[in-house]
PDB file of N, CA and C in Angstrom:
ATOM      1  N   MET A   1      -7.672  38.103 -49.597  1.00  0.00           N
ATOM      2  CA  MET A   1      -6.858  38.709 -48.572  1.00  0.00           C
ATOM      3  C   MET A   1      -5.621  37.859 -48.350  1.00  0.00           C
ATOM      4  N   PHE A   2      -5.019  37.455 -49.400  1.00  0.00           N
ATOM      5  CA  PHE A   2      -3.779  36.702 -49.316  1.00  0.00           C
ATOM      6  C   PHE A   2      -2.613  37.665 -49.403  1.00  0.00           C
ATOM      7  N   LEU A   3      -1.551  37.349 -48.686  1.00  0.00           N
ATOM      8  CA  LEU A   3      -0.365  38.193 -48.718  1.00  0.00           C
ATOM      9  C   LEU A   3       0.621  37.641 -49.742  1.00  0.00           C
ATOM     10  N   SER A   4       1.286  38.531 -50.387  1.00  0.00           N
ATOM     11  CA  SER A   4       2.295  38.093 -51.341  1.00  0.00           C
ATOM     12  C   SER A   4       3.517  37.581 -50.585  1.00  0.00           C
ATOM     13  N   PRO A   5       4.317  36.735 -51.169  1.00  0.00           N
ATOM     14  CA  PRO A   5       5.460  36.154 -50.472  1.00  0.00           C
ATOM     15  C   PRO A   5       6.468  37.190 -49.969  1.00  0.00           C
ATOM     16  N   GLY A   6       6.540  38.318 -50.496  1.00  0.00           N
ATOM     17  CA  GLY A   6       7.516  39.319 -50.071  1.00  0.00           C
ATOM     18  C   GLY A   6       7.026  40.231 -48.954  1.00  0.00           C
ATOM     19  N   THR A   7       5.792  40.051 -48.482  1.00  0.00           N
ATOM     20  CA  THR A   7       5.230  40.928 -47.467  1.00  0.00           C
ATOM     21  C   THR A   7       5.832  40.585 -46.100  1.00  0.00           C
ATOM     22  N   ARG A   8       6.220  41.614 -45.398  1.00  0.00           N
ATOM     23  CA  ARG A   8       6.787  41.424 -44.059  1.00  0.00           C
ATOM     24  C   ARG A   8       5.807  41.986 -43.034  1.00  0.00           C
ATOM     25  N   PHE A   9       5.773  41.300 -41.884  1.00  0.00           N
ATOM     26  CA  PHE A   9       4.909  41.762 -40.798  1.00  0.00           C
ATOM     27  C   PHE A   9       5.677  42.717 -39.908  1.00  0.00           C
ATOM     28  N   SER A  10       4.966  43.597 -39.302  1.00  0.00           N
ATOM     29  CA  SER A  10       5.587  44.556 -38.388  1.00  0.00           C
ATOM     30  C   SER A  10       5.920  43.853 -37.074  1.00  0.00           C
ATOM     31  N   ASP A  11       6.987  44.263 -36.448  1.00  0.00           N
ATOM     32  CA  ASP A  11       7.387  43.698 -35.156  1.00  0.00           C
ATOM     33  C   ASP A  11       6.649  44.353 -33.988  1.00  0.00           C
ATOM     34  N   GLU A  12       5.890  45.383 -34.258  1.00  0.00           N
ATOM     35  CA  GLU A  12       5.203  46.103 -33.184  1.00  0.00           C
ATOM     36  C   GLU A  12       4.228  45.226 -32.397  1.00  0.00           C
ATOM     37  N   PRO A  13       3.355  44.452 -33.021  1.00  0.00           N
ATOM     38  CA  PRO A  13       2.440  43.615 -32.233  1.00  0.00           C
ATOM     39  C   PRO A  13       3.188  42.603 -31.364  1.00  0.00           C
ATOM     40  N   LYS A  14       4.267  42.074 -31.901  1.00  0.00           N
ATOM     41  CA  LYS A  14       5.060  41.111 -31.141  1.00  0.00           C
ATOM     42  C   LYS A  14       5.679  41.786 -29.911  1.00  0.00           C
ATOM     43  N   LYS A  15       6.225  42.969 -30.111  1.00  0.00           N
ATOM     44  CA  LYS A  15       6.831  43.709 -28.993  1.00  0.00           C
ATOM     45  C   LYS A  15       5.779  44.065 -27.945  1.00  0.00           C
ATOM     46  N   ASP A  16       4.594  44.480 -28.416  1.00  0.00           N
ATOM     47  CA  ASP A  16       3.515  44.812 -27.479  1.00  0.00           C
ATOM     48  C   ASP A  16       3.099  43.592 -26.664  1.00  0.00           C
ATOM     49  N   ALA A  17       3.000  42.444 -27.322  1.00  0.00           N
ATOM     50  CA  ALA A  17       2.602  41.217 -26.618  1.00  0.00           C
ATOM     51  C   ALA A  17       3.643  40.823 -25.574  1.00  0.00           C
ATOM     52  N   ILE A  18       4.914  40.916 -25.947  1.00  0.00           N
ATOM     53  CA  ILE A  18       5.990  40.556 -25.006  1.00  0.00           C
ATOM     54  C   ILE A  18       6.025  41.526 -23.844  1.00  0.00           C
ATOM     55  N   SER A  19       5.887  42.808 -24.110  1.00  0.00           N
ATOM     56  CA  SER A  19       5.919  43.789 -23.017  1.00  0.00           C
ATOM     57  C   SER A  19       4.713  43.616 -22.095  1.00  0.00           C
ATOM     58  N   GLY A  20       3.576  43.227 -22.669  1.00  0.00           N
ATOM     59  CA  GLY A  20       2.393  42.980 -21.838  1.00  0.00           C
ATOM     60  C   GLY A  20       2.586  41.782 -20.931  1.00  0.00           C
ATOM     61  N   MET A  21       3.233  40.746 -21.425  1.00  0.00           N
ATOM     62  CA  MET A  21       3.481  39.558 -20.603  1.00  0.00           C
ATOM     63  C   MET A  21       4.483  39.854 -19.500  1.00  0.00           C
ATOM     64  N   THR A  22       5.501  40.616 -19.821  1.00  0.00           N
ATOM     65  CA  THR A  22       6.504  40.921 -18.791  1.00  0.00           C
ATOM     66  C   THR A  22       5.929  41.863 -17.747  1.00  0.00           C
ATOM     67  N   ALA A  23       5.029  42.740 -18.125  1.00  0.00           N
ATOM     68  CA  ALA A  23       4.406  43.637 -17.147  1.00  0.00           C
ATOM     69  C   ALA A  23       3.560  42.838 -16.174  1.00  0.00           C
ATOM     70  N   ASN A  24       2.793  41.866 -16.669  1.00  0.00           N
ATOM     71  CA  ASN A  24       1.983  41.028 -15.793  1.00  0.00           C
ATOM     72  C   ASN A  24       2.863  40.163 -14.908  1.00  0.00           C
ATOM     73  N   ALA A  25       3.947  39.653 -15.463  1.00  0.00           N
ATOM     74  CA  ALA A  25       4.867  38.833 -14.667  1.00  0.00           C
ATOM     75  C   ALA A  25       5.496  39.674 -13.568  1.00  0.00           C
ATOM     76  N   GLY A  26       5.804  40.925 -13.871  1.00  0.00           N
ATOM     77  CA  GLY A  26       6.378  41.821 -12.868  1.00  0.00           C
ATOM     78  C   GLY A  26       5.401  42.089 -11.736  1.00  0.00           C
ATOM     79  N   LYS A  27       4.125  42.252 -12.066  1.00  0.00           N
ATOM     80  CA  LYS A  27       3.115  42.479 -11.033  1.00  0.00           C
ATOM     81  C   LYS A  27       2.974  41.259 -10.139  1.00  0.00           C
ATOM     82  N   LYS A  28       2.939  40.078 -10.775  1.00  0.00           N
ATOM     83  CA  LYS A  28       2.813  38.849  -9.996  1.00  0.00           C
ATOM     84  C   LYS A  28       4.032  38.655  -9.104  1.00  0.00           C
ATOM     85  N   GLN A  29       5.202  38.955  -9.657  1.00  0.00           N
ATOM     86  CA  GLN A  29       6.426  38.785  -8.883  1.00  0.00           C
ATOM     87  C   GLN A  29       6.467  39.764  -7.713  1.00  0.00           C
ATOM     88  N   SER A  30       6.081  41.016  -7.949  1.00  0.00           N
ATOM     89  CA  SER A  30       6.107  41.995  -6.870  1.00  0.00           C
ATOM     90  C   SER A  30       5.080  41.642  -5.794  1.00  0.00           C
ATOM     91  N   GLU A  31       3.945  41.101  -6.215  1.00  0.00           N
ATOM     92  CA  GLU A  31       2.935  40.691  -5.245  1.00  0.00           C
ATOM     93  C   GLU A  31       3.433  39.503  -4.420  1.00  0.00           C
ATOM     94  N   THR A  32       4.101  38.571  -5.079  1.00  0.00           N
ATOM     95  CA  THR A  32       4.667  37.421  -4.370  1.00  0.00           C
ATOM     96  C   THR A  32       5.752  37.877  -3.403  1.00  0.00           C
ATOM     97  N   GLU A  33       6.588  38.798  -3.851  1.00  0.00           N
ATOM     98  CA  GLU A  33       7.635  39.332  -2.974  1.00  0.00           C
ATOM     99  C   GLU A  33       7.028  40.032  -1.767  1.00  0.00           C
ATOM    100  N   LYS A  34       5.943  40.753  -1.983  1.00  0.00           N
ATOM    101  CA  LYS A  34       5.267  41.459  -0.887  1.00  0.00           C
ATOM    102  C   LYS A  34       4.740  40.459   0.137  1.00  0.00           C
ATOM    103  N   GLN A  35       4.137  39.367  -0.356  1.00  0.00           N
ATOM    104  CA  GLN A  35       3.622  38.339   0.553  1.00  0.00           C
ATOM    105  C   GLN A  35       4.760  37.671   1.316  1.00  0.00           C
ATOM    106  N   LEU A  36       5.873  37.414   0.632  1.00  0.00           N
ATOM    107  CA  LEU A  36       7.013  36.793   1.298  1.00  0.00           C
ATOM    108  C   LEU A  36       7.616  37.710   2.349  1.00  0.00           C
ATOM    109  N   ARG A  37       7.716  39.002   2.030  1.00  0.00           N
ATOM    110  CA  ARG A  37       8.244  39.958   3.016  1.00  0.00           C
ATOM    111  C   ARG A  37       7.358  39.996   4.261  1.00  0.00           C
ATOM    112  N   LYS A  38       6.036  39.966   4.048  1.00  0.00           N
ATOM    113  CA  LYS A  38       5.106  39.985   5.179  1.00  0.00           C
ATOM    114  C   LYS A  38       5.270  38.724   6.018  1.00  0.00           C
ATOM    115  N   LYS A  39       5.417  37.575   5.363  1.00  0.00           N
ATOM    116  CA  LYS A  39       5.591  36.317   6.077  1.00  0.00           C
ATOM    117  C   LYS A  39       6.892  36.326   6.874  1.00  0.00           C
ATOM    118  N   VAL A  40       7.960  36.844   6.278  1.00  0.00           N
ATOM    119  CA  VAL A  40       9.242  36.943   6.978  1.00  0.00           C
ATOM    120  C   VAL A  40       9.108  37.845   8.195  1.00  0.00           C
ATOM    121  N   SER A  41       8.391  38.938   8.039  1.00  0.00           N
ATOM    122  CA  SER A  41       8.184  39.862   9.154  1.00  0.00           C
ATOM    123  C   SER A  41       7.437  39.186  10.295  1.00  0.00           C
ATOM    124  N   VAL A  42       6.388  38.441   9.964  1.00  0.00           N
ATOM    125  CA  VAL A  42       5.612  37.733  10.987  1.00  0.00           C
ATOM    126  C   VAL A  42       6.485  36.690  11.689  1.00  0.00           C
ATOM    127  N   LEU A  43       7.284  35.970  10.922  1.00  0.00           N
ATOM    128  CA  LEU A  43       8.156  34.946  11.510  1.00  0.00           C
ATOM    129  C   LEU A  43       9.225  35.562  12.401  1.00  0.00           C
ATOM    130  N   LYS A  44       9.758  36.719  11.997  1.00  0.00           N
ATOM    131  CA  LYS A  44      10.752  37.403  12.832  1.00  0.00           C
ATOM    132  C   LYS A  44      10.144  37.852  14.158  1.00  0.00           C
ATOM    133  N   LYS A  45       8.927  38.378  14.103  1.00  0.00           N
ATOM    134  CA  LYS A  45       8.254  38.801  15.332  1.00  0.00           C
ATOM    135  C   LYS A  45       8.005  37.614  16.252  1.00  0.00           C
ATOM    136  N   ASP A  46       7.585  36.499  15.672  1.00  0.00           N
ATOM    137  CA  ASP A  46       7.327  35.294  16.454  1.00  0.00           C
ATOM    138  C   ASP A  46       8.621  34.780  17.087  1.00  0.00           C
ATOM    139  N   LEU A  47       9.700  34.766  16.320  1.00  0.00           N
ATOM    140  CA  LEU A  47      10.987  34.327  16.845  1.00  0.00           C
ATOM    141  C   LEU A  47      11.455  35.245  17.963  1.00  0.00           C
ATOM    142  N   ASN A  48      11.286  36.539  17.801  1.00  0.00           N
ATOM    143  CA  ASN A  48      11.686  37.505  18.827  1.00  0.00           C
ATOM    144  C   ASN A  48      10.903  37.270  20.121  1.00  0.00           C
ATOM    145  N   ARG A  49       9.600  37.022  19.984  1.00  0.00           N
ATOM    146  CA  ARG A  49       8.765  36.767  21.164  1.00  0.00           C
ATOM    147  C   ARG A  49       9.217  35.498  21.886  1.00  0.00           C
ATOM    148  N   LYS A  50       9.519  34.461  21.131  1.00  0.00           N
ATOM    149  CA  LYS A  50       9.950  33.201  21.728  1.00  0.00           C
ATOM    150  C   LYS A  50      11.321  33.323  22.383  1.00  0.00           C
ATOM    151  N   GLU A  51      12.214  34.104  21.770  1.00  0.00           N
ATOM    152  CA  GLU A  51      13.531  34.320  22.384  1.00  0.00           C
ATOM    153  C   GLU A  51      13.399  35.052  23.716  1.00  0.00           C
ATOM    154  N   LYS A  52      12.512  36.035  23.786  1.00  0.00           N
ATOM    155  CA  LYS A  52      12.289  36.754  25.038  1.00  0.00           C
ATOM    156  C   LYS A  52      11.724  35.820  26.111  1.00  0.00           C
ATOM    157  N   ALA A  53      10.787  34.963  25.729  1.00  0.00           N
ATOM    158  CA  ALA A  53      10.208  34.022  26.688  1.00  0.00           C
ATOM    159  C   ALA A  53      11.257  33.045  27.189  1.00  0.00           C
ATOM    160  N   LEU A  54      12.125  32.585  26.309  1.00  0.00           N
ATOM    161  CA  LEU A  54      13.197  31.675  26.698  1.00  0.00           C
ATOM    162  C   LEU A  54      14.183  32.363  27.643  1.00  0.00           C
ATOM    163  N   ALA A  55      14.527  33.602  27.358  1.00  0.00           N
ATOM    164  CA  ALA A  55      15.432  34.352  28.224  1.00  0.00           C
ATOM    165  C   ALA A  55      14.814  34.556  29.609  1.00  0.00           C
ATOM    166  N   GLU A  56      13.520  34.847  29.648  1.00  0.00           N
ATOM    167  CA  GLU A  56      12.844  35.029  30.937  1.00  0.00           C
ATOM    168  C   GLU A  56      12.835  33.725  31.734  1.00  0.00           C
ATOM    169  N   THR A  57      12.564  32.625  31.069  1.00  0.00           N
ATOM    170  CA  THR A  57      12.551  31.325  31.740  1.00  0.00           C
ATOM    171  C   THR A  57      13.934  30.974  32.280  1.00  0.00           C
ATOM    172  N   ALA A  58      14.963  31.243  31.509  1.00  0.00           N
ATOM    173  CA  ALA A  58      16.330  30.971  31.949  1.00  0.00           C
ATOM    174  C   ALA A  58      16.686  31.830  33.164  1.00  0.00           C
ATOM    175  N   ALA A  59      16.277  33.092  33.149  1.00  0.00           N
ATOM    176  CA  ALA A  59      16.551  33.979  34.283  1.00  0.00           C
ATOM    177  C   ALA A  59      15.831  33.494  35.538  1.00  0.00           C
ATOM    178  N   LEU A  60      14.592  33.055  35.404  1.00  0.00           N
ATOM    179  CA  LEU A  60      13.852  32.542  36.561  1.00  0.00           C
ATOM    180  C   LEU A  60      14.499  31.276  37.109  1.00  0.00           C
ATOM    181  N   LEU A  61      14.996  30.424  36.246  1.00  0.00           N
ATOM    182  CA  LEU A  61      15.670  29.206  36.684  1.00  0.00           C
ATOM    183  C   LEU A  61      16.946  29.532  37.450  1.00  0.00           C
ATOM    184  N   VAL A  62      17.712  30.497  36.959  1.00  0.00           N
ATOM    185  CA  VAL A  62      18.935  30.924  37.656  1.00  0.00           C
ATOM    186  C   VAL A  62      18.583  31.492  39.027  1.00  0.00           C
ATOM    187  N   LEU A  63      17.546  32.326  39.091  1.00  0.00           N
ATOM    188  CA  LEU A  63      17.138  32.899  40.375  1.00  0.00           C
ATOM    189  C   LEU A  63      16.675  31.815  41.345  1.00  0.00           C
ATOM    190  N   LYS A  64      15.970  30.817  40.849  1.00  0.00           N
ATOM    191  CA  LYS A  64      15.503  29.730  41.698  1.00  0.00           C
ATOM    192  C   LYS A  64      16.684  28.958  42.275  1.00  0.00           C
ATOM    193  N   LYS A  65      17.689  28.678  41.445  1.00  0.00           N
ATOM    194  CA  LYS A  65      18.868  27.958  41.917  1.00  0.00           C
ATOM    195  C   LYS A  65      19.647  28.780  42.943  1.00  0.00           C
ATOM    196  N   LYS A  66      19.740  30.079  42.726  1.00  0.00           N
ATOM    197  CA  LYS A  66      20.435  30.945  43.693  1.00  0.00           C
ATOM    198  C   LYS A  66      19.679  30.978  45.015  1.00  0.00           C
ATOM    199  N   ALA A  67      18.354  31.063  44.948  1.00  0.00           N
ATOM    200  CA  ALA A  67      17.554  31.082  46.172  1.00  0.00           C
ATOM    201  C   ALA A  67      17.705  29.765  46.924  1.00  0.00           C
ATOM    202  N   GLN A  68      17.741  28.643  46.220  1.00  0.00           N
ATOM    203  CA  GLN A  68      17.926  27.342  46.870  1.00  0.00           C
ATOM    204  C   GLN A  68      19.315  27.247  47.493  1.00  0.00           C
ATOM    205  N   ALA A  69      20.320  27.843  46.853  1.00  0.00           N
ATOM    206  CA  ALA A  69      21.671  27.818  47.404  1.00  0.00           C
ATOM    207  C   ALA A  69      21.752  28.640  48.687  1.00  0.00           C
ATOM    208  N   ILE A  70      21.005  29.745  48.744  1.00  0.00           N
ATOM    209  CA  ILE A  70      21.045  30.615  49.921  1.00  0.00           C
ATOM    210  C   ILE A  70      20.195  30.046  51.052  1.00  0.00           C
ATOM    211  N   TRP A  71      18.945  29.707  50.768  1.00  0.00           N
ATOM    212  CA  TRP A  71      18.006  29.311  51.816  1.00  0.00           C
ATOM    213  C   TRP A  71      17.743  27.811  51.888  1.00  0.00           C
ATOM    214  N   GLY A  72      18.247  27.054  50.962  1.00  0.00           N
ATOM    215  CA  GLY A  72      17.991  25.621  50.952  1.00  0.00           C
ATOM    216  C   GLY A  72      16.679  25.324  50.262  1.00  0.00           C
ATOM    217  N   GLU A  73      16.310  24.043  50.280  1.00  0.00           N
ATOM    218  CA  GLU A  73      15.073  23.637  49.632  1.00  0.00           C
ATOM    219  C   GLU A  73      13.869  24.081  50.454  1.00  0.00           C
ATOM    220  N   PRO A  74      12.780  24.404  49.800  1.00  0.00           N
ATOM    221  CA  PRO A  74      11.568  24.727  50.543  1.00  0.00           C
ATOM    222  C   PRO A  74      11.075  23.512  51.333  1.00  0.00           C
ATOM    223  N   GLU A  75      10.420  23.757  52.456  1.00  0.00           N
ATOM    224  CA  GLU A  75       9.994  22.664  53.329  1.00  0.00           C
ATOM    225  C   GLU A  75       9.031  21.703  52.653  1.00  0.00           C
ATOM    226  N   GLU A  76       8.149  22.211  51.804  1.00  0.00           N
ATOM    227  CA  GLU A  76       7.181  21.309  51.176  1.00  0.00           C
ATOM    228  C   GLU A  76       7.865  20.312  50.238  1.00  0.00           C
ATOM    229  N   ASP A  77       9.064  20.620  49.768  1.00  0.00           N
ATOM    230  CA  ASP A  77       9.789  19.674  48.937  1.00  0.00           C
ATOM    231  C   ASP A  77      10.512  18.623  49.781  1.00  0.00           C
ATOM    232  N   ARG A  78      10.903  18.997  51.003  1.00  0.00           N
ATOM    233  CA  ARG A  78      11.629  18.074  51.870  1.00  0.00           C
ATOM    234  C   ARG A  78      10.727  17.046  52.522  1.00  0.00           C
ATOM    235  N   TYR A  79       9.543  17.478  52.903  1.00  0.00           N
ATOM    236  CA  TYR A  79       8.620  16.603  53.620  1.00  0.00           C
ATOM    237  C   TYR A  79       7.356  16.422  52.797  1.00  0.00           C
ATOM    238  N   PRO A  80       7.265  15.304  52.101  1.00  0.00           N
ATOM    239  CA  PRO A  80       6.047  15.102  51.304  1.00  0.00           C
ATOM    240  C   PRO A  80       4.826  14.955  52.211  1.00  0.00           C
ATOM    241  N   LEU A  81       3.698  15.304  51.672  1.00  0.00           N
ATOM    242  CA  LEU A  81       2.458  15.217  52.440  1.00  0.00           C
ATOM    243  C   LEU A  81       2.151  13.761  52.772  1.00  0.00           C
ATOM    244  N   LYS A  82       1.767  13.541  54.018  1.00  0.00           N
ATOM    245  CA  LYS A  82       1.343  12.199  54.415  1.00  0.00           C
ATOM    246  C   LYS A  82      -0.169  12.188  54.399  1.00  0.00           C
ATOM    247  N   THR A  83      -0.674  11.171  53.753  1.00  0.00           N
ATOM    248  CA  THR A  83      -2.128  11.062  53.691  1.00  0.00           C
ATOM    249  C   THR A  83      -2.557   9.772  54.349  1.00  0.00           C
ATOM    250  N   ASN A  84      -3.773   9.756  54.826  1.00  0.00           N
ATOM    251  CA  ASN A  84      -4.346   8.572  55.417  1.00  0.00           C
ATOM    252  C   ASN A  84      -5.079   7.738  54.372  1.00  0.00           C
ATOM    253  N   ASN A  85      -4.989   8.155  53.154  1.00  0.00           N
ATOM    254  CA  ASN A  85      -5.681   7.465  52.083  1.00  0.00           C
ATOM    255  C   ASN A  85      -4.921   6.190  51.750  1.00  0.00           C
ATOM    256  N   ARG A  86      -5.561   5.057  51.804  1.00  0.00           N
ATOM    257  CA  ARG A  86      -4.870   3.801  51.583  1.00  0.00           C
ATOM    258  C   ARG A  86      -4.474   3.593  50.128  1.00  0.00           C
ATOM    259  N   PHE A  87      -5.041   4.372  49.208  1.00  0.00           N
ATOM    260  CA  PHE A  87      -4.696   4.227  47.784  1.00  0.00           C
ATOM    261  C   PHE A  87      -3.424   4.994  47.431  1.00  0.00           C
ATOM    262  N   CYS A  88      -2.998   5.955  48.220  1.00  0.00           N
ATOM    263  CA  CYS A  88      -1.839   6.767  47.902  1.00  0.00           C
ATOM    264  C   CYS A  88      -0.549   6.167  48.475  1.00  0.00           C
ATOM    265  N   ASN A  89      -0.611   5.279  49.440  1.00  0.00           N
ATOM    266  CA  ASN A  89       0.597   4.753  50.066  1.00  0.00           C
ATOM    267  C   ASN A  89       1.216   3.636  49.296  1.00  0.00           C
TER     268      ASN A  89
END
């Protein structure tokens, strides 16, 4: 089963092997892209939630400062509690 020196091999098996490798690479790449898109989506949702929490905190701080400007400091902040405990003085 020796081939003579002039025998040429068909390119079909080579083409099939290359197309099979690229098809598998495409599947792996699309799966990786899908995972990355999902991760980006999760991160965007997390960032959006944190931005909303930060905005709410900033709004509460502004309201607190406005209330202090109108009514002054609350009494419990002006007069600290006096205790008879000898360890606290």
